[in-house]
Amino acid sequence: MEMASGSSILRTLAIIILSYYLFKFLMRIFAPIIMQKAVNKMQEKMQEQFRKQQEQQEQQQYTTSQFQSKEKEKVGDYIDYEEIN
């Protein structure tokens, strides 16, 4: 088994260090872009959820108003008779 030579260890160490600094550099460039896209996507989801909630409330109000108007019509047909002794 042969021992690793000093130059190959230095070469490996240099590649690791350069890779680390390259990664840091690229993250400084791309991290804000990635974060902005994530924030925009979450904002779109929240707006969509809010829109759906508004539609459900409008539908519920419409259904409730129809039910109440039908109920009022039924009340008008009722006649109360009193018994006279």
PDB file of N, CA and C in Angstrom:
ATOM      1  N   MET A   1       0.838  -1.163   0.000  1.00  0.00           N
ATOM      2  CA  MET A   1       0.000   0.000   0.000  1.00  0.00           C
ATOM      3  C   MET A   1       0.895   1.242   0.000  1.00  0.00           C
ATOM      4  N   GLU A   2       0.631   2.111  -0.917  1.00  0.00           N
ATOM      5  CA  GLU A   2       1.492   3.273  -1.097  1.00  0.00           C
ATOM      6  C   GLU A   2       0.907   4.481  -0.369  1.00  0.00           C
ATOM      7  N   MET A   3       1.699   5.280   0.282  1.00  0.00           N
ATOM      8  CA  MET A   3       1.261   6.485   0.996  1.00  0.00           C
ATOM      9  C   MET A   3       0.968   7.572  -0.034  1.00  0.00           C
ATOM     10  N   ALA A   4      -0.017   8.382   0.269  1.00  0.00           N
ATOM     11  CA  ALA A   4      -0.365   9.486  -0.613  1.00  0.00           C
ATOM     12  C   ALA A   4       0.751  10.510  -0.587  1.00  0.00           C
ATOM     13  N   SER A   5       1.075  10.997  -1.742  1.00  0.00           N
ATOM     14  CA  SER A   5       2.157  11.974  -1.803  1.00  0.00           C
ATOM     15  C   SER A   5       1.659  13.338  -1.349  1.00  0.00           C
ATOM     16  N   GLY A   6       2.565  14.179  -0.955  1.00  0.00           N
ATOM     17  CA  GLY A   6       2.229  15.512  -0.458  1.00  0.00           C
ATOM     18  C   GLY A   6       1.518  16.361  -1.491  1.00  0.00           C
ATOM     19  N   SER A   7       1.926  16.222  -2.764  1.00  0.00           N
ATOM     20  CA  SER A   7       1.304  17.051  -3.809  1.00  0.00           C
ATOM     21  C   SER A   7      -0.153  16.652  -4.048  1.00  0.00           C
ATOM     22  N   SER A   8      -0.472  15.360  -3.945  1.00  0.00           N
ATOM     23  CA  SER A   8      -1.860  14.939  -4.161  1.00  0.00           C
ATOM     24  C   SER A   8      -2.754  15.392  -3.002  1.00  0.00           C
ATOM     25  N   ILE A   9      -2.196  15.426  -1.797  1.00  0.00           N
ATOM     26  CA  ILE A   9      -2.968  15.908  -0.647  1.00  0.00           C
ATOM     27  C   ILE A   9      -3.240  17.405  -0.806  1.00  0.00           C
ATOM     28  N   LEU A  10      -2.208  18.167  -1.213  1.00  0.00           N
ATOM     29  CA  LEU A  10      -2.388  19.601  -1.419  1.00  0.00           C
ATOM     30  C   LEU A  10      -3.391  19.879  -2.540  1.00  0.00           C
ATOM     31  N   ARG A  11      -3.306  19.081  -3.583  1.00  0.00           N
ATOM     32  CA  ARG A  11      -4.220  19.245  -4.719  1.00  0.00           C
ATOM     33  C   ARG A  11      -5.667  18.991  -4.265  1.00  0.00           C
ATOM     34  N   THR A  12      -5.893  17.943  -3.497  1.00  0.00           N
ATOM     35  CA  THR A  12      -7.218  17.618  -2.985  1.00  0.00           C
ATOM     36  C   THR A  12      -7.720  18.728  -2.065  1.00  0.00           C
ATOM     37  N   LEU A  13      -6.857  19.193  -1.195  1.00  0.00           N
ATOM     38  CA  LEU A  13      -7.215  20.272  -0.274  1.00  0.00           C
ATOM     39  C   LEU A  13      -7.563  21.548  -1.047  1.00  0.00           C
ATOM     40  N   ALA A  14      -6.795  21.863  -2.075  1.00  0.00           N
ATOM     41  CA  ALA A  14      -7.059  23.048  -2.894  1.00  0.00           C
ATOM     42  C   ALA A  14      -8.406  22.923  -3.597  1.00  0.00           C
ATOM     43  N   ILE A  15      -8.730  21.745  -4.111  1.00  0.00           N
ATOM     44  CA  ILE A  15     -10.024  21.533  -4.789  1.00  0.00           C
ATOM     45  C   ILE A  15     -11.171  21.721  -3.800  1.00  0.00           C
ATOM     46  N   ILE A  16     -11.016  21.187  -2.579  1.00  0.00           N
ATOM     47  CA  ILE A  16     -12.064  21.323  -1.567  1.00  0.00           C
ATOM     48  C   ILE A  16     -12.270  22.799  -1.204  1.00  0.00           C
ATOM     49  N   ILE A  17     -11.188  23.519  -0.985  1.00  0.00           N
ATOM     50  CA  ILE A  17     -11.274  24.938  -0.607  1.00  0.00           C
ATOM     51  C   ILE A  17     -11.880  25.763  -1.740  1.00  0.00           C
ATOM     52  N   LEU A  18     -11.405  25.518  -2.972  1.00  0.00           N
ATOM     53  CA  LEU A  18     -11.966  26.256  -4.112  1.00  0.00           C
ATOM     54  C   LEU A  18     -13.449  25.946  -4.295  1.00  0.00           C
ATOM     55  N   SER A  19     -13.827  24.702  -4.107  1.00  0.00           N
ATOM     56  CA  SER A  19     -15.239  24.323  -4.230  1.00  0.00           C
ATOM     57  C   SER A  19     -16.083  25.045  -3.180  1.00  0.00           C
ATOM     58  N   TYR A  20     -15.564  25.131  -1.965  1.00  0.00           N
ATOM     59  CA  TYR A  20     -16.274  25.808  -0.883  1.00  0.00           C
ATOM     60  C   TYR A  20     -16.500  27.283  -1.226  1.00  0.00           C
ATOM     61  N   TYR A  21     -15.444  27.967  -1.670  1.00  0.00           N
ATOM     62  CA  TYR A  21     -15.576  29.388  -1.989  1.00  0.00           C
ATOM     63  C   TYR A  21     -16.450  29.612  -3.230  1.00  0.00           C
ATOM     64  N   LEU A  22     -16.379  28.713  -4.187  1.00  0.00           N
ATOM     65  CA  LEU A  22     -17.240  28.807  -5.363  1.00  0.00           C
ATOM     66  C   LEU A  22     -18.707  28.643  -4.951  1.00  0.00           C
ATOM     67  N   PHE A  23     -18.967  27.693  -4.054  1.00  0.00           N
ATOM     68  CA  PHE A  23     -20.322  27.477  -3.561  1.00  0.00           C
ATOM     69  C   PHE A  23     -20.836  28.726  -2.828  1.00  0.00           C
ATOM     70  N   LYS A  24     -20.014  29.314  -1.958  1.00  0.00           N
ATOM     71  CA  LYS A  24     -20.407  30.529  -1.244  1.00  0.00           C
ATOM     72  C   LYS A  24     -20.713  31.662  -2.217  1.00  0.00           C
ATOM     73  N   PHE A  25     -19.862  31.816  -3.225  1.00  0.00           N
ATOM     74  CA  PHE A  25     -20.048  32.874  -4.214  1.00  0.00           C
ATOM     75  C   PHE A  25     -21.365  32.688  -4.970  1.00  0.00           C
ATOM     76  N   LEU A  26     -21.619  31.467  -5.416  1.00  0.00           N
ATOM     77  CA  LEU A  26     -22.846  31.190  -6.162  1.00  0.00           C
ATOM     78  C   LEU A  26     -24.090  31.365  -5.281  1.00  0.00           C
ATOM     79  N   MET A  27     -23.984  31.020  -4.016  1.00  0.00           N
ATOM     80  CA  MET A  27     -25.117  31.192  -3.104  1.00  0.00           C
ATOM     81  C   MET A  27     -25.435  32.666  -2.892  1.00  0.00           C
ATOM     82  N   ARG A  28     -24.416  33.506  -2.854  1.00  0.00           N
ATOM     83  CA  ARG A  28     -24.666  34.945  -2.726  1.00  0.00           C
ATOM     84  C   ARG A  28     -25.418  35.484  -3.928  1.00  0.00           C
ATOM     85  N   ILE A  29     -25.165  34.902  -5.071  1.00  0.00           N
ATOM     86  CA  ILE A  29     -25.839  35.359  -6.291  1.00  0.00           C
ATOM     87  C   ILE A  29     -27.250  34.784  -6.378  1.00  0.00           C
ATOM     88  N   PHE A  30     -27.386  33.471  -6.166  1.00  0.00           N
ATOM     89  CA  PHE A  30     -28.654  32.803  -6.439  1.00  0.00           C
ATOM     90  C   PHE A  30     -29.600  32.716  -5.249  1.00  0.00           C
ATOM     91  N   ALA A  31     -29.127  32.832  -4.027  1.00  0.00           N
ATOM     92  CA  ALA A  31     -30.007  32.716  -2.860  1.00  0.00           C
ATOM     93  C   ALA A  31     -31.119  33.769  -2.859  1.00  0.00           C
ATOM     94  N   PRO A  32     -30.821  35.040  -3.123  1.00  0.00           N
ATOM     95  CA  PRO A  32     -31.922  36.020  -3.150  1.00  0.00           C
ATOM     96  C   PRO A  32     -32.955  35.733  -4.239  1.00  0.00           C
ATOM     97  N   ILE A  33     -32.502  35.244  -5.371  1.00  0.00           N
ATOM     98  CA  ILE A  33     -33.429  34.925  -6.462  1.00  0.00           C
ATOM     99  C   ILE A  33     -34.336  33.775  -6.050  1.00  0.00           C
ATOM    100  N   ILE A  34     -33.749  32.744  -5.455  1.00  0.00           N
ATOM    101  CA  ILE A  34     -34.522  31.580  -5.016  1.00  0.00           C
ATOM    102  C   ILE A  34     -35.513  31.980  -3.924  1.00  0.00           C
ATOM    103  N   MET A  35     -35.070  32.796  -2.987  1.00  0.00           N
ATOM    104  CA  MET A  35     -35.953  33.241  -1.906  1.00  0.00           C
ATOM    105  C   MET A  35     -37.105  34.085  -2.446  1.00  0.00           C
ATOM    106  N   GLN A  36     -36.831  34.947  -3.402  1.00  0.00           N
ATOM    107  CA  GLN A  36     -37.880  35.781  -3.981  1.00  0.00           C
ATOM    108  C   GLN A  36     -38.929  34.929  -4.682  1.00  0.00           C
ATOM    109  N   LYS A  37     -38.485  33.905  -5.403  1.00  0.00           N
ATOM    110  CA  LYS A  37     -39.435  33.016  -6.074  1.00  0.00           C
ATOM    111  C   LYS A  37     -40.288  32.271  -5.055  1.00  0.00           C
ATOM    112  N   ALA A  38     -39.682  31.836  -3.963  1.00  0.00           N
ATOM    113  CA  ALA A  38     -40.426  31.122  -2.919  1.00  0.00           C
ATOM    114  C   ALA A  38     -41.467  32.039  -2.277  1.00  0.00           C
ATOM    115  N   VAL A  39     -41.081  33.279  -2.013  1.00  0.00           N
ATOM    116  CA  VAL A  39     -42.014  34.239  -1.415  1.00  0.00           C
ATOM    117  C   VAL A  39     -43.161  34.529  -2.377  1.00  0.00           C
ATOM    118  N   ASN A  40     -42.861  34.703  -3.644  1.00  0.00           N
ATOM    119  CA  ASN A  40     -43.908  34.965  -4.639  1.00  0.00           C
ATOM    120  C   ASN A  40     -44.875  33.797  -4.731  1.00  0.00           C
ATOM    121  N   LYS A  41     -44.352  32.588  -4.699  1.00  0.00           N
ATOM    122  CA  LYS A  41     -45.200  31.404  -4.793  1.00  0.00           C
ATOM    123  C   LYS A  41     -46.124  31.301  -3.578  1.00  0.00           C
ATOM    124  N   MET A  42     -45.598  31.560  -2.391  1.00  0.00           N
ATOM    125  CA  MET A  42     -46.429  31.527  -1.183  1.00  0.00           C
ATOM    126  C   MET A  42     -47.495  32.623  -1.234  1.00  0.00           C
ATOM    127  N   GLN A  43     -47.123  33.782  -1.740  1.00  0.00           N
ATOM    128  CA  GLN A  43     -48.075  34.891  -1.843  1.00  0.00           C
ATOM    129  C   GLN A  43     -49.212  34.527  -2.807  1.00  0.00           C
ATOM    130  N   GLU A  44     -48.877  33.896  -3.918  1.00  0.00           N
ATOM    131  CA  GLU A  44     -49.905  33.475  -4.871  1.00  0.00           C
ATOM    132  C   GLU A  44     -50.844  32.452  -4.245  1.00  0.00           C
ATOM    133  N   LYS A  45     -50.282  31.518  -3.482  1.00  0.00           N
ATOM    134  CA  LYS A  45     -51.117  30.512  -2.822  1.00  0.00           C
ATOM    135  C   LYS A  45     -52.064  31.157  -1.820  1.00  0.00           C
ATOM    136  N   MET A  46     -51.568  32.128  -1.064  1.00  0.00           N
ATOM    137  CA  MET A  46     -52.408  32.804  -0.081  1.00  0.00           C
ATOM    138  C   MET A  46     -53.519  33.605  -0.768  1.00  0.00           C
ATOM    139  N   GLN A  47     -53.203  34.253  -1.887  1.00  0.00           N
ATOM    140  CA  GLN A  47     -54.215  35.003  -2.621  1.00  0.00           C
ATOM    141  C   GLN A  47     -55.283  34.066  -3.181  1.00  0.00           C
ATOM    142  N   GLU A  48     -54.845  32.913  -3.692  1.00  0.00           N
ATOM    143  CA  GLU A  48     -55.792  31.929  -4.223  1.00  0.00           C
ATOM    144  C   GLU A  48     -56.702  31.410  -3.103  1.00  0.00           C
ATOM    145  N   GLN A  49     -56.117  31.138  -1.949  1.00  0.00           N
ATOM    146  CA  GLN A  49     -56.898  30.659  -0.809  1.00  0.00           C
ATOM    147  C   GLN A  49     -57.901  31.731  -0.358  1.00  0.00           C
ATOM    148  N   PHE A  50     -57.481  32.972  -0.323  1.00  0.00           N
ATOM    149  CA  PHE A  50     -58.371  34.071   0.059  1.00  0.00           C
ATOM    150  C   PHE A  50     -59.513  34.209  -0.943  1.00  0.00           C
ATOM    151  N   ARG A  51     -59.188  34.093  -2.224  1.00  0.00           N
ATOM    152  CA  ARG A  51     -60.219  34.203  -3.272  1.00  0.00           C
ATOM    153  C   ARG A  51     -61.249  33.086  -3.134  1.00  0.00           C
ATOM    154  N   LYS A  52     -60.784  31.863  -2.880  1.00  0.00           N
ATOM    155  CA  LYS A  52     -61.706  30.737  -2.707  1.00  0.00           C
ATOM    156  C   LYS A  52     -62.591  30.941  -1.482  1.00  0.00           C
ATOM    157  N   GLN A  53     -62.015  31.460  -0.420  1.00  0.00           N
ATOM    158  CA  GLN A  53     -62.782  31.706   0.794  1.00  0.00           C
ATOM    159  C   GLN A  53     -63.857  32.765   0.535  1.00  0.00           C
ATOM    160  N   GLN A  54     -63.513  33.801  -0.209  1.00  0.00           N
ATOM    161  CA  GLN A  54     -64.490  34.845  -0.547  1.00  0.00           C
ATOM    162  C   GLN A  54     -65.634  34.256  -1.373  1.00  0.00           C
ATOM    163  N   GLU A  55     -65.294  33.398  -2.345  1.00  0.00           N
ATOM    164  CA  GLU A  55     -66.320  32.779  -3.182  1.00  0.00           C
ATOM    165  C   GLU A  55     -67.244  31.906  -2.345  1.00  0.00           C
ATOM    166  N   GLN A  56     -66.684  31.161  -1.394  1.00  0.00           N
ATOM    167  CA  GLN A  56     -67.503  30.315  -0.537  1.00  0.00           C
ATOM    168  C   GLN A  56     -68.443  31.165   0.315  1.00  0.00           C
ATOM    169  N   GLN A  57     -67.959  32.275   0.839  1.00  0.00           N
ATOM    170  CA  GLN A  57     -68.806  33.149   1.653  1.00  0.00           C
ATOM    171  C   GLN A  57     -69.929  33.750   0.812  1.00  0.00           C
ATOM    172  N   GLU A  58     -69.610  34.153  -0.411  1.00  0.00           N
ATOM    173  CA  GLU A  58     -70.633  34.710  -1.288  1.00  0.00           C
ATOM    174  C   GLU A  58     -71.685  33.660  -1.619  1.00  0.00           C
ATOM    175  N   GLN A  59     -71.255  32.453  -1.890  1.00  0.00           N
ATOM    176  CA  GLN A  59     -72.178  31.356  -2.198  1.00  0.00           C
ATOM    177  C   GLN A  59     -73.055  31.059  -0.983  1.00  0.00           C
ATOM    178  N   GLN A  60     -72.460  31.066   0.201  1.00  0.00           N
ATOM    179  CA  GLN A  60     -73.208  30.796   1.427  1.00  0.00           C
ATOM    180  C   GLN A  60     -74.238  31.901   1.679  1.00  0.00           C
ATOM    181  N   GLN A  61     -73.874  33.146   1.455  1.00  0.00           N
ATOM    182  CA  GLN A  61     -74.801  34.256   1.635  1.00  0.00           C
ATOM    183  C   GLN A  61     -75.952  34.167   0.631  1.00  0.00           C
ATOM    184  N   TYR A  62     -75.641  33.788  -0.597  1.00  0.00           N
ATOM    185  CA  TYR A  62     -76.661  33.655  -1.632  1.00  0.00           C
ATOM    186  C   TYR A  62     -77.643  32.552  -1.259  1.00  0.00           C
ATOM    187  N   THR A  63     -77.121  31.404  -0.801  1.00  0.00           N
ATOM    188  CA  THR A  63     -77.960  30.279  -0.409  1.00  0.00           C
ATOM    189  C   THR A  63     -78.814  30.647   0.796  1.00  0.00           C
ATOM    190  N   THR A  64     -78.240  31.336   1.759  1.00  0.00           N
ATOM    191  CA  THR A  64     -78.975  31.744   2.960  1.00  0.00           C
ATOM    192  C   THR A  64     -80.095  32.710   2.602  1.00  0.00           C
ATOM    193  N   SER A  65     -79.831  33.656   1.718  1.00  0.00           N
ATOM    194  CA  SER A  65     -80.860  34.626   1.330  1.00  0.00           C
ATOM    195  C   SER A  65     -81.993  33.933   0.573  1.00  0.00           C
ATOM    196  N   GLN A  66     -81.699  32.942  -0.257  1.00  0.00           N
ATOM    197  CA  GLN A  66     -82.739  32.201  -0.963  1.00  0.00           C
ATOM    198  C   GLN A  66     -83.596  31.420   0.029  1.00  0.00           C
ATOM    199  N   PHE A  67     -82.965  30.810   1.012  1.00  0.00           N
ATOM    200  CA  PHE A  67     -83.682  30.027   2.011  1.00  0.00           C
ATOM    201  C   PHE A  67     -84.593  30.929   2.827  1.00  0.00           C
ATOM    202  N   GLN A  68     -84.119  32.095   3.215  1.00  0.00           N
ATOM    203  CA  GLN A  68     -84.919  33.018   4.015  1.00  0.00           C
ATOM    204  C   GLN A  68     -86.113  33.550   3.220  1.00  0.00           C
ATOM    205  N   SER A  69     -85.924  33.824   1.945  1.00  0.00           N
ATOM    206  CA  SER A  69     -87.033  34.343   1.146  1.00  0.00           C
ATOM    207  C   SER A  69     -88.105  33.271   0.971  1.00  0.00           C
ATOM    208  N   LYS A  70     -87.748  32.018   0.813  1.00  0.00           N
ATOM    209  CA  LYS A  70     -88.714  30.932   0.706  1.00  0.00           C
ATOM    210  C   LYS A  70     -89.447  30.749   2.032  1.00  0.00           C
ATOM    211  N   GLU A  71     -88.732  30.884   3.136  1.00  0.00           N
ATOM    212  CA  GLU A  71     -89.318  30.706   4.455  1.00  0.00           C
ATOM    213  C   GLU A  71     -90.348  31.797   4.729  1.00  0.00           C
ATOM    214  N   LYS A  72     -90.101  33.012   4.297  1.00  0.00           N
ATOM    215  CA  LYS A  72     -91.033  34.109   4.504  1.00  0.00           C
ATOM    216  C   LYS A  72     -92.335  33.865   3.738  1.00  0.00           C
ATOM    217  N   GLU A  73     -92.240  33.279   2.573  1.00  0.00           N
ATOM    218  CA  GLU A  73     -93.431  32.997   1.788  1.00  0.00           C
ATOM    219  C   GLU A  73     -94.313  31.987   2.500  1.00  0.00           C
ATOM    220  N   LYS A  74     -93.742  30.990   3.136  1.00  0.00           N
ATOM    221  CA  LYS A  74     -94.499  29.966   3.842  1.00  0.00           C
ATOM    222  C   LYS A  74     -95.236  30.565   5.039  1.00  0.00           C
ATOM    223  N   VAL A  75     -94.635  31.512   5.713  1.00  0.00           N
ATOM    224  CA  VAL A  75     -95.230  32.114   6.900  1.00  0.00           C
ATOM    225  C   VAL A  75     -96.507  32.865   6.534  1.00  0.00           C
ATOM    226  N   GLY A  76     -96.596  33.448   5.397  1.00  0.00           N
ATOM    227  CA  GLY A  76     -97.767  34.220   4.990  1.00  0.00           C
ATOM    228  C   GLY A  76     -99.009  33.368   4.811  1.00  0.00           C
ATOM    229  N   ASP A  77     -98.910  32.096   4.557  1.00  0.00           N
ATOM    230  CA  ASP A  77    -100.052  31.209   4.343  1.00  0.00           C
ATOM    231  C   ASP A  77    -100.639  30.675   5.641  1.00  0.00           C
ATOM    232  N   TYR A  78    -100.001  30.882   6.759  1.00  0.00           N
ATOM    233  CA  TYR A  78    -100.436  30.321   8.033  1.00  0.00           C
ATOM    234  C   TYR A  78    -101.529  31.185   8.642  1.00  0.00           C
ATOM    235  N   ILE A  79    -102.632  30.547   9.053  1.00  0.00           N
ATOM    236  CA  ILE A  79    -103.735  31.263   9.719  1.00  0.00           C
ATOM    237  C   ILE A  79    -103.937  30.611  11.066  1.00  0.00           C
ATOM    238  N   ASP A  80    -104.019  31.427  12.097  1.00  0.00           N
ATOM    239  CA  ASP A  80    -104.176  30.913  13.454  1.00  0.00           C
ATOM    240  C   ASP A  80    -105.659  31.076  13.868  1.00  0.00           C
ATOM    241  N   TYR A  81    -106.291  29.981  14.223  1.00  0.00           N
ATOM    242  CA  TYR A  81    -107.677  30.018  14.677  1.00  0.00           C
ATOM    243  C   TYR A  81    -107.727  29.857  16.186  1.00  0.00           C
ATOM    244  N   GLU A  82    -108.590  30.624  16.810  1.00  0.00           N
ATOM    245  CA  GLU A  82    -108.771  30.492  18.265  1.00  0.00           C
ATOM    246  C   GLU A  82    -110.113  29.799  18.500  1.00  0.00           C
ATOM    247  N   GLU A  83    -110.123  28.961  19.534  1.00  0.00           N
ATOM    248  CA  GLU A  83    -111.341  28.269  19.895  1.00  0.00           C
ATOM    249  C   GLU A  83    -112.184  29.160  20.783  1.00  0.00           C
ATOM    250  N   ILE A  84    -113.462  29.274  20.485  1.00  0.00           N
ATOM    251  CA  ILE A  84    -114.338  30.106  21.294  1.00  0.00           C
ATOM    252  C   ILE A  84    -115.247  29.173  22.082  1.00  0.00           C
ATOM    253  N   ASN A  85    -115.320  29.357  23.417  1.00  0.00           N
ATOM    254  CA  ASN A  85    -116.168  28.523  24.285  1.00  0.00           C
ATOM    255  C   ASN A  85    -117.510  29.145  24.509  1.00  0.00           C
TER     256      ASN A  85
END
